[in-house]
Protein backbone atom coordinates (compact mmCIF):
# COMPACT_ATOMS: atom_id res chain seq x y z
CA MET A 1 28.80 -29.40 -61.29
CA HIS A 2 26.94 -32.65 -60.69
CA ILE A 3 25.06 -32.28 -63.97
CA GLU A 4 28.28 -31.43 -65.83
CA ILE A 5 30.00 -34.56 -64.50
CA GLU A 6 27.06 -36.77 -65.39
CA ASN A 7 27.04 -35.37 -68.93
CA LEU A 8 30.78 -35.99 -69.18
CA LEU A 9 30.38 -39.58 -67.98
CA GLN A 10 27.66 -40.21 -70.56
CA LYS A 11 29.86 -38.92 -73.37
CA ILE A 12 32.75 -41.13 -72.27
CA LYS A 13 30.47 -44.15 -71.93
CA SER A 14 29.09 -43.62 -75.43
CA PHE A 15 32.59 -43.34 -76.91
CA VAL A 16 33.85 -46.47 -75.15
CA GLU A 17 30.85 -48.57 -76.20
CA THR A 18 30.78 -47.28 -79.79
CA GLU A 19 34.47 -47.07 -80.61
CA LEU A 20 36.25 -49.54 -78.32
CA TYR A 21 33.95 -52.50 -77.71
CA PRO A 22 34.07 -53.47 -81.44
CA LEU A 23 37.87 -53.68 -81.21
CA GLU A 24 37.73 -56.52 -78.67
CA THR A 25 38.31 -59.22 -81.27
CA THR A 26 40.25 -62.44 -80.83
CA GLU A 27 43.16 -60.98 -82.81
CA ASN A 28 43.40 -57.85 -80.69
CA LEU A 29 43.16 -59.73 -77.39
CA THR A 30 45.75 -62.38 -78.18
CA GLY A 31 48.30 -60.43 -80.19
CA ASN A 32 50.86 -57.88 -79.09
CA PHE A 33 49.64 -54.41 -78.25
CA SER A 34 51.55 -52.97 -81.19
CA GLN A 35 48.98 -54.60 -83.51
CA ILE A 36 46.15 -52.41 -82.29
CA GLU A 37 48.17 -49.39 -81.17
CA PRO A 38 47.95 -47.54 -84.55
CA ILE A 39 44.14 -47.76 -84.38
CA LEU A 40 44.10 -46.49 -80.80
CA LEU A 41 46.42 -43.61 -81.66
CA ARG A 42 43.97 -42.53 -84.36
CA LEU A 43 41.15 -42.79 -81.85
CA ARG A 44 43.14 -40.56 -79.49
CA GLU A 45 42.79 -37.79 -82.08
CA LYS A 46 39.06 -38.39 -82.12
CA VAL A 47 39.00 -38.15 -78.31
CA LYS A 48 40.66 -34.73 -78.63
CA GLU A 49 38.18 -33.64 -81.28
CA VAL A 50 35.17 -34.41 -79.09
CA GLY A 51 36.68 -32.60 -76.10
CA LEU A 52 37.38 -35.63 -73.91
CA TRP A 53 41.18 -35.33 -73.73
CA GLY A 54 43.01 -34.57 -70.51
CA LEU A 55 40.45 -36.09 -68.17
CA ALA A 56 43.07 -36.68 -65.48
CA LEU A 57 44.91 -33.38 -65.93
CA PRO A 58 44.56 -30.21 -63.84
CA LEU A 59 43.10 -27.04 -65.34
CA ASP A 60 46.49 -25.36 -65.75
CA MET A 61 47.50 -28.15 -68.13
CA GLY A 62 44.36 -27.95 -70.21
CA GLY A 63 42.58 -30.73 -68.34
CA LYS A 64 39.17 -30.97 -66.74
CA GLY A 65 40.35 -30.28 -63.19
CA LEU A 66 38.38 -33.23 -61.86
CA SER A 67 38.61 -34.24 -58.23
CA LEU A 68 39.99 -37.68 -57.44
CA MET A 69 36.49 -38.97 -56.76
CA GLN A 70 35.19 -37.55 -60.04
CA PHE A 71 38.03 -39.05 -62.02
CA GLY A 72 37.39 -42.33 -60.21
CA LYS A 73 33.98 -42.47 -61.87
CA VAL A 74 35.62 -41.75 -65.22
CA SER A 75 38.17 -44.51 -64.63
CA GLU A 76 35.43 -47.07 -64.02
CA ILE A 77 33.91 -46.37 -67.43
CA LEU A 78 37.26 -46.41 -69.24
CA ALA A 79 38.07 -49.78 -67.63
CA LYS A 80 35.11 -51.46 -69.30
CA SER A 81 37.37 -51.96 -72.30
CA PRO A 82 41.02 -53.07 -72.12
CA PHE A 83 41.77 -50.17 -74.48
CA GLY A 84 39.91 -47.44 -72.61
CA HIS A 85 42.57 -45.84 -70.45
CA PHE A 86 45.20 -45.86 -73.19
CA THR A 87 42.88 -44.27 -75.74
CA PHE A 88 42.14 -41.42 -73.32
CA ASN A 89 45.82 -41.07 -72.23
CA SER A 90 44.82 -41.93 -68.66
CA GLN A 91 46.81 -45.18 -68.45
CA ALA A 92 49.26 -46.30 -65.81
CA PRO A 93 52.11 -45.62 -65.33
CA ASP A 94 51.82 -42.37 -67.29
CA ILE A 95 48.97 -40.94 -65.26
CA GLY A 96 50.92 -41.39 -62.02
CA ASN A 97 54.05 -39.87 -63.56
CA MET A 98 52.07 -36.90 -64.83
CA GLU A 99 50.74 -36.24 -61.34
CA LEU A 100 54.22 -36.64 -59.88
CA LEU A 101 55.98 -34.34 -62.36
CA HIS A 102 53.25 -31.72 -62.21
CA LYS A 103 53.62 -31.43 -58.45
CA TYR A 104 57.36 -31.93 -57.88
CA ALA A 105 59.40 -31.52 -61.07
CA SER A 106 61.35 -28.44 -62.15
CA LYS A 107 60.07 -26.18 -64.91
CA GLU A 108 62.78 -27.53 -67.21
CA ILE A 109 61.58 -31.13 -66.71
CA LYS A 110 57.95 -30.10 -67.11
CA ASP A 111 58.66 -28.36 -70.40
CA LYS A 112 60.79 -31.19 -71.77
CA TYR A 113 58.90 -34.25 -70.50
CA LEU A 114 55.60 -33.50 -68.77
CA ASN A 115 54.03 -31.41 -71.51
CA PRO A 116 54.62 -33.94 -74.34
CA LEU A 117 53.52 -36.74 -71.99
CA ALA A 118 50.27 -34.91 -71.28
CA LYS A 119 49.75 -34.40 -75.01
CA GLY A 120 50.19 -38.13 -75.64
CA GLU A 121 53.29 -37.57 -77.76
CA ILE A 122 55.54 -39.76 -75.59
CA ARG A 123 55.20 -42.49 -72.95
CA SER A 124 56.97 -43.12 -69.66
CA CYS A 125 57.60 -45.85 -67.10
CA PHE A 126 58.23 -46.19 -63.35
CA SER A 127 61.27 -48.20 -62.28
CA MET A 128 61.12 -49.37 -58.66
CA THR A 129 60.83 -53.15 -58.20
CA GLU A 130 64.00 -55.26 -58.20
CA PRO A 131 64.29 -59.04 -58.73
CA GLU A 132 66.96 -59.43 -56.03
CA PHE A 133 64.83 -57.89 -53.27
CA ALA A 134 61.32 -58.62 -51.99
CA GLY A 135 58.87 -56.04 -53.28
CA SER A 136 56.95 -56.30 -50.00
CA ASN A 137 59.83 -54.44 -48.32
CA PRO A 138 60.64 -51.51 -50.63
CA THR A 139 63.19 -50.05 -48.18
CA ARG A 140 65.59 -52.77 -49.36
CA MET A 141 66.93 -51.72 -52.73
CA GLY A 142 70.17 -52.30 -54.61
CA THR A 143 69.97 -49.53 -57.21
CA THR A 144 72.21 -46.58 -56.33
CA ALA A 145 72.59 -43.01 -57.57
CA ILE A 146 76.04 -41.70 -56.62
CA LYS A 147 76.78 -37.98 -56.86
CA ASP A 148 79.58 -37.05 -59.24
CA GLY A 149 79.87 -33.28 -59.49
CA ASP A 150 76.67 -32.00 -61.09
CA ASN A 151 75.60 -35.53 -62.08
CA TYR A 152 74.26 -38.77 -60.65
CA ILE A 153 75.75 -42.09 -61.74
CA ILE A 154 73.02 -44.72 -61.53
CA ASN A 155 73.60 -48.47 -61.33
CA GLY A 156 70.92 -51.06 -60.74
CA HIS A 157 68.74 -53.93 -61.90
CA LYS A 158 64.96 -53.46 -62.12
CA TRP A 159 62.04 -55.50 -63.33
CA PHE A 160 58.30 -55.01 -63.74
CA THR A 161 59.18 -51.61 -65.11
CA SER A 162 55.81 -51.61 -66.82
CA SER A 163 55.54 -50.05 -70.30
CA ALA A 164 59.30 -49.47 -70.63
CA ASP A 165 59.10 -50.87 -74.17
CA GLY A 166 58.94 -47.73 -76.29
CA ALA A 167 58.98 -45.27 -73.36
CA THR A 168 60.92 -42.01 -73.57
CA PHE A 169 61.89 -41.80 -69.91
CA ALA A 170 61.74 -43.65 -66.61
CA VAL A 171 61.22 -42.35 -63.10
CA VAL A 172 63.82 -44.41 -61.21
CA MET A 173 63.89 -45.14 -57.48
CA ALA A 174 67.52 -45.27 -56.36
CA VAL A 175 69.42 -45.08 -53.07
CA THR A 176 71.13 -41.69 -52.78
CA ASP A 177 72.18 -42.01 -49.11
CA ALA A 178 72.82 -45.54 -47.87
CA ASP A 179 73.49 -44.29 -44.32
CA ALA A 180 70.18 -42.50 -43.86
CA ALA A 181 67.14 -43.96 -42.10
CA PRO A 182 65.48 -46.73 -44.17
CA HIS A 183 62.67 -44.52 -45.49
CA ASN A 184 65.02 -41.62 -46.28
CA ARG A 185 67.64 -43.47 -48.32
CA ALA A 186 66.07 -43.38 -51.77
CA SER A 187 65.20 -40.64 -54.23
CA GLN A 188 63.29 -40.44 -57.50
CA ILE A 189 65.26 -39.41 -60.57
CA LEU A 190 64.14 -38.95 -64.17
CA VAL A 191 66.24 -40.98 -66.60
CA PRO A 192 65.90 -40.51 -70.38
CA LEU A 193 65.93 -43.97 -71.93
CA ASP A 194 68.13 -42.99 -74.86
CA ASN A 195 70.95 -42.87 -72.31
CA PRO A 196 73.83 -45.16 -73.45
CA GLY A 197 73.98 -46.84 -70.03
CA TYR A 198 70.36 -47.96 -70.12
CA GLU A 199 69.86 -51.63 -71.03
CA PHE A 200 66.49 -53.07 -72.02
CA VAL A 201 66.81 -56.76 -71.13
CA ARG A 202 63.40 -58.19 -72.05
CA ASN A 203 59.65 -57.98 -71.75
CA ILE A 204 58.78 -60.48 -69.02
CA PRO A 205 56.23 -63.17 -70.03
CA ILE A 206 53.10 -62.77 -67.89
CA MET A 207 50.81 -65.80 -67.84
CA GLY A 208 52.54 -66.97 -71.00
CA HIS A 209 52.50 -63.69 -72.93
CA ALA A 210 55.30 -61.10 -72.97
CA GLY A 211 53.33 -58.41 -74.78
CA ASP A 212 54.98 -55.34 -76.22
CA SER A 213 54.82 -51.55 -76.34
CA TRP A 214 52.62 -50.08 -73.59
CA ALA A 215 51.12 -53.45 -72.60
CA SER A 216 54.31 -55.00 -71.24
CA HIS A 217 56.44 -55.39 -68.11
CA ALA A 218 60.17 -55.04 -68.66
CA GLU A 219 63.38 -56.15 -67.03
CA VAL A 220 65.99 -53.39 -67.37
CA ARG A 221 69.46 -52.47 -66.14
CA TYR A 222 71.07 -49.12 -65.43
CA ASN A 223 74.79 -49.45 -66.15
CA ASN A 224 76.69 -46.32 -65.09
CA VAL A 225 73.84 -44.16 -66.32
CA VAL A 226 74.84 -40.49 -66.04
CA VAL A 227 72.09 -37.90 -65.59
CA PRO A 228 72.23 -34.32 -64.30
CA ARG A 229 71.33 -33.80 -60.65
CA SER A 230 68.66 -31.40 -61.88
CA ASN A 231 66.72 -34.52 -62.95
CA LEU A 232 65.95 -35.18 -59.28
CA ILE A 233 62.21 -35.11 -58.60
CA GLY A 234 61.40 -33.44 -55.32
CA LYS A 235 64.23 -33.53 -52.80
CA GLU A 236 66.89 -36.11 -52.03
CA GLY A 237 65.65 -38.77 -49.65
CA GLU A 238 61.98 -38.17 -50.52
CA GLY A 239 61.68 -41.19 -52.82
CA PHE A 240 59.48 -43.25 -50.52
CA LEU A 241 57.42 -40.25 -49.48
CA LEU A 242 56.70 -39.44 -53.13
CA ALA A 243 56.02 -43.10 -53.88
CA GLN A 244 53.41 -43.25 -51.13
CA GLU A 245 51.85 -39.99 -52.26
CA ARG A 246 51.77 -41.35 -55.82
CA LEU A 247 50.25 -44.64 -54.65
CA GLY A 248 47.32 -43.06 -52.78
CA PRO A 249 45.61 -41.60 -55.86
CA GLY A 250 47.10 -44.44 -57.91
CA ARG A 251 45.22 -47.00 -55.87
CA ILE A 252 41.97 -45.11 -56.44
CA HIS A 253 42.69 -45.27 -60.18
CA HIS A 254 43.44 -48.99 -59.96
CA CYS A 255 40.47 -49.84 -57.75
CA MET A 256 37.99 -47.97 -59.92
CA ARG A 257 39.52 -49.76 -62.90
CA PHE A 258 38.92 -53.06 -61.10
CA ILE A 259 35.30 -52.04 -60.55
CA GLY A 260 34.88 -51.16 -64.23
CA ILE A 261 36.25 -54.56 -65.25
CA ALA A 262 33.94 -56.28 -62.76
CA GLU A 263 30.95 -54.28 -64.00
CA ARG A 264 31.61 -55.20 -67.63
CA SER A 265 32.14 -58.85 -66.67
CA PHE A 266 28.85 -58.71 -64.79
CA GLU A 267 27.06 -57.30 -67.84
CA LEU A 268 28.48 -60.02 -70.07
CA MET A 269 27.45 -62.69 -67.55
CA CYS A 270 23.87 -61.44 -67.36
CA GLU A 271 23.54 -61.04 -71.13
CA TYR A 272 24.84 -64.54 -71.78
CA ALA A 273 22.73 -66.10 -69.02
CA THR A 274 19.53 -64.73 -70.54
CA LYS A 275 20.41 -65.87 -74.07
CA ARG A 276 22.04 -69.29 -73.56
CA GLU A 277 19.38 -71.97 -73.88
CA LEU A 278 20.03 -75.24 -72.02
CA ALA A 279 16.90 -77.01 -73.16
CA GLU A 280 13.81 -75.84 -74.98
CA GLY A 281 12.54 -72.79 -73.10
CA LYS A 282 15.09 -73.16 -70.30
CA TYR A 283 17.99 -70.75 -69.97
CA LEU A 284 21.09 -70.38 -67.83
CA ALA A 285 19.36 -67.48 -66.09
CA ASP A 286 16.78 -69.94 -64.75
CA MET A 287 19.44 -71.88 -62.84
CA GLN A 288 19.66 -71.04 -59.15
CA SER A 289 23.48 -71.26 -59.13
CA ILE A 290 23.69 -68.60 -61.87
CA GLN A 291 21.17 -66.46 -60.03
CA HIS A 292 23.42 -66.62 -56.97
CA PHE A 293 26.41 -65.59 -59.10
CA ILE A 294 24.46 -62.57 -60.28
CA ALA A 295 23.11 -61.56 -56.87
CA GLU A 296 26.49 -61.91 -55.12
CA SER A 297 28.31 -60.04 -57.89
CA ARG A 298 25.85 -57.14 -57.92
CA VAL A 299 26.16 -56.54 -54.19
CA GLU A 300 29.94 -56.98 -54.11
CA ILE A 301 30.52 -54.53 -56.98
CA ASP A 302 28.24 -51.92 -55.41
CA ALA A 303 29.88 -52.30 -51.99
CA ALA A 304 33.37 -51.96 -53.48
CA ARG A 305 32.38 -48.85 -55.41
CA LEU A 306 31.06 -47.15 -52.29
CA LEU A 307 34.24 -48.01 -50.38
CA VAL A 308 36.52 -46.66 -53.09
CA LEU A 309 34.60 -43.44 -53.74
CA ASP A 310 34.40 -42.76 -50.01
CA THR A 311 38.19 -43.19 -49.82
CA ALA A 312 38.69 -40.90 -52.83
CA ASP A 313 36.53 -38.26 -51.17
CA LYS A 314 38.62 -38.48 -48.01
CA ILE A 315 41.85 -38.09 -49.99
CA ASP A 316 40.37 -35.08 -51.79
CA GLN A 317 39.49 -33.46 -48.48
CA PHE A 318 42.31 -34.46 -46.14
CA GLY A 319 45.11 -36.04 -48.20
CA SER A 320 46.46 -39.58 -48.62
CA LYS A 321 47.92 -39.83 -45.11
CA ALA A 322 44.54 -39.33 -43.48
CA ALA A 323 43.05 -42.07 -45.67
CA ARG A 324 45.91 -44.53 -45.16
CA ASN A 325 43.79 -47.29 -43.62
CA GLN A 326 41.07 -47.01 -46.24
CA ILE A 327 43.67 -47.07 -49.04
CA SER A 328 44.98 -50.41 -47.77
CA GLY A 329 41.49 -51.78 -47.35
CA ILE A 330 40.16 -50.93 -50.80
CA LYS A 331 43.19 -52.41 -52.54
CA PHE A 332 42.80 -55.99 -51.34
CA TYR A 333 39.00 -55.91 -51.13
CA THR A 334 38.42 -54.57 -54.63
CA ALA A 335 41.07 -56.71 -56.34
CA ASN A 336 39.60 -59.89 -54.89
CA MET A 337 36.06 -58.79 -55.72
CA MET A 338 37.03 -58.22 -59.36
CA LEU A 339 38.66 -61.64 -59.69
CA ARG A 340 35.63 -63.37 -58.15
CA VAL A 341 33.26 -61.65 -60.58
CA ILE A 342 35.44 -62.44 -63.59
CA ASP A 343 35.59 -66.07 -62.45
CA ARG A 344 31.81 -66.29 -62.12
CA ALA A 345 31.36 -64.74 -65.54
CA ILE A 346 33.77 -67.26 -67.09
CA GLN A 347 31.98 -70.12 -65.34
CA THR A 348 28.66 -68.87 -66.69
CA HIS A 349 30.03 -68.74 -70.23
CA GLY A 350 31.40 -72.29 -69.94
CA GLY A 351 33.91 -73.21 -72.64
CA LEU A 352 33.32 -69.90 -74.42
CA GLY A 353 34.57 -68.06 -71.36
CA MET A 354 37.97 -69.70 -71.71
CA THR A 355 38.45 -68.37 -75.24
CA ASN A 356 39.42 -64.92 -76.43
CA ASP A 357 36.14 -64.68 -78.30
CA VAL A 358 35.01 -62.75 -75.23
CA VAL A 359 37.18 -60.43 -73.17
CA LEU A 360 36.84 -62.38 -69.90
CA SER A 361 39.82 -64.71 -70.32
CA PHE A 362 42.03 -61.74 -71.22
CA TRP A 363 41.17 -60.06 -67.94
CA TYR A 364 41.48 -63.29 -65.94
CA ALA A 365 45.08 -63.72 -67.12
CA HIS A 366 46.20 -60.10 -66.95
CA GLU A 367 44.45 -59.01 -63.76
CA ARG A 368 45.58 -61.82 -61.45
CA ALA A 369 48.52 -59.58 -60.68
CA ALA A 370 46.11 -57.12 -59.03
CA ARG A 371 46.58 -58.98 -55.76
CA ILE A 372 50.35 -58.48 -55.94
CA TYR A 373 51.35 -55.15 -57.49
CA ASP A 374 51.12 -51.91 -55.47
CA GLY A 375 51.46 -54.08 -52.37
CA ALA A 376 50.46 -57.71 -51.95
CA ASP A 377 47.14 -58.46 -50.22
CA GLU A 378 48.92 -59.85 -47.20
CA VAL A 379 50.97 -56.67 -46.70
CA HIS A 380 47.89 -54.46 -46.90
CA LYS A 381 45.96 -56.66 -44.49
CA SER A 382 48.77 -56.69 -41.93
CA SER A 383 49.26 -52.93 -42.26
CA LEU A 384 45.56 -52.26 -41.78
CA ALA A 385 45.28 -54.63 -38.82
CA LYS A 386 48.33 -53.12 -37.08
CA SER A 387 46.92 -49.62 -37.50
CA ILE A 388 43.55 -50.68 -36.08
CA LEU A 389 45.13 -52.51 -33.15
CA LYS A 390 47.10 -49.42 -32.13
CA GLU A 391 43.84 -47.87 -31.01
CA TYR A 392 43.23 -50.81 -28.67
CA ARG A 393 46.73 -50.83 -27.18
CA LYS A 394 46.57 -47.34 -25.74
């Protein structure tokens, strides 16, 4: 199996470097995603032709049946290009929704939504965060799903519903029992976005750019949205439980993506340092400060990778709950590591690093959010510290 995985990783690496790196032009990094999407959709067909489709899917859905740790290694390679995960249909939020629906949705929902999602025929989004409530306390939520016979009537205001622009459906977190305990109030419900009560408000500008299509973060409203109660995912009151279960593997995906971005930034830094001449016969690579950038980055990337893969292995063996502390730790450690490496690479490139002639500035703008989404650094640190301190308070 080890040899098979290594061969798979080499094939993916070759595809990413050959097909995707050349697409990282100024036009494709500054424009809306819809400009390059037709090219990537054609490349998706090529991915299918060479047998690299369904990397994140289980065997019963035609996927590779990879463990979380194995897919983590795949995710690192895909992350070396901003277009990698999308081209291989392994992008958030779809990958998380596929895992969720595969495990908890009814056969009817799987046939109607999961199968076309897995084939790359449609896209989805995940609707949880609300502008009126602090995301650091997800038990506070204003969106409600009220039972009305065989239906739910959903009302609420969401934002950072990533990739809602052009999505076919949303998985919506909504309060189904306001009187229940805080972590048992909400449920997850699938909402088709052609519903007349769904309102797409806007794509939110992020660091000055609103984006479009998959590469966007939307503000939306649910205005008396009526959906059948059969669209419930899992059981009523399990919304937070499912969200946490979704976030465990999801954080592995994110963290390995951070590592892939850091690794590519590192490669660009080293390549530029050895080629940029400061004076005759003297290069950036000869400067001690640049050498320190390179040494620190190499060790930090390697340390983060070991932490994340060890956490993935623990989740594979014992489940997300058993790896709760490690999941918190890798999130803030790896996100900060990535941003430090990108910053060093930009500094090494000088003025060039600030332009979209190289991919570094794109990542610097779009990945700053890594320290906020899926739980802010400060929340993860407090959670981890409290869990550790429990052992000392016995």
